[in-house]
Amino acid sequence: MNIHVTPTALDGVVIIDTDFFRDERGFFIEVYHRQRYIEHGLDYEFVQDNHSRSARHVLRGLHYQDMSAPMGKLVRCTAGAILDVAVDLRVGSPAFGKYVAVELNETNMRQLMVPAGFGHGFLTLSESAEVHYKCTGLYTPPAEGGIAWDDPDIGIDWPTRAPVLSGRDKENMSLRRYLDRPAFTWPS
């Protein structure tokens, strides 16, 4: 099955649409085919897969792992719908602090590639949603960090002003505080 890669406004963050087959029995999709991804310039080695389930209005993020254990993510929503967001955290990047938001859902079967150097988060739009993502690095707690979901310097247009957050995500830092100890720098 073919894949179709669409660049976003953030260098390296791409939307991936995969051809799939649907009939009265259901559907079939080839979710990941390494050679096809490489042919589109997406040469990532994935070392960990994660799967989460969230209720309506749960917002997870904005998470990242710093350069001591960088992690990129290939994200898809297998049930329900989410608003998936990537934020450029590479200090010195022309797009630093900018974001891309894409709806991923069980119908469009779309994926979003979020490379290392970007914060990532999502909001559940449906009653519940299941999210599966492949990671280019292993989860490493000392390397993890988070940016506030509602940081005004980023200005993400979330469709709710009162999301359900974890205790940790309620404490995520501002983008300005992140600048005091940046995790990523853009090559000069």
Foldseek 3Di string as FASTA:
>chain_A
DAKDWADDPDPPKIKIFFDWDQDPVGIDTDLDDQVRCVVVVNNFDFDDKDKDKFFAQAKDFQKFFFPVWGKKKKKAWQAAKKWKKKAQQAAPDPRHLEMDTDMHHNVRRMIIIHGGRIGIMMGGHGRMIMMMMTMRTDDDVVRMAGAAPCAVSNHDPDPDPDGDYDPRNVPGHHSVVCVVPPRHHDDD
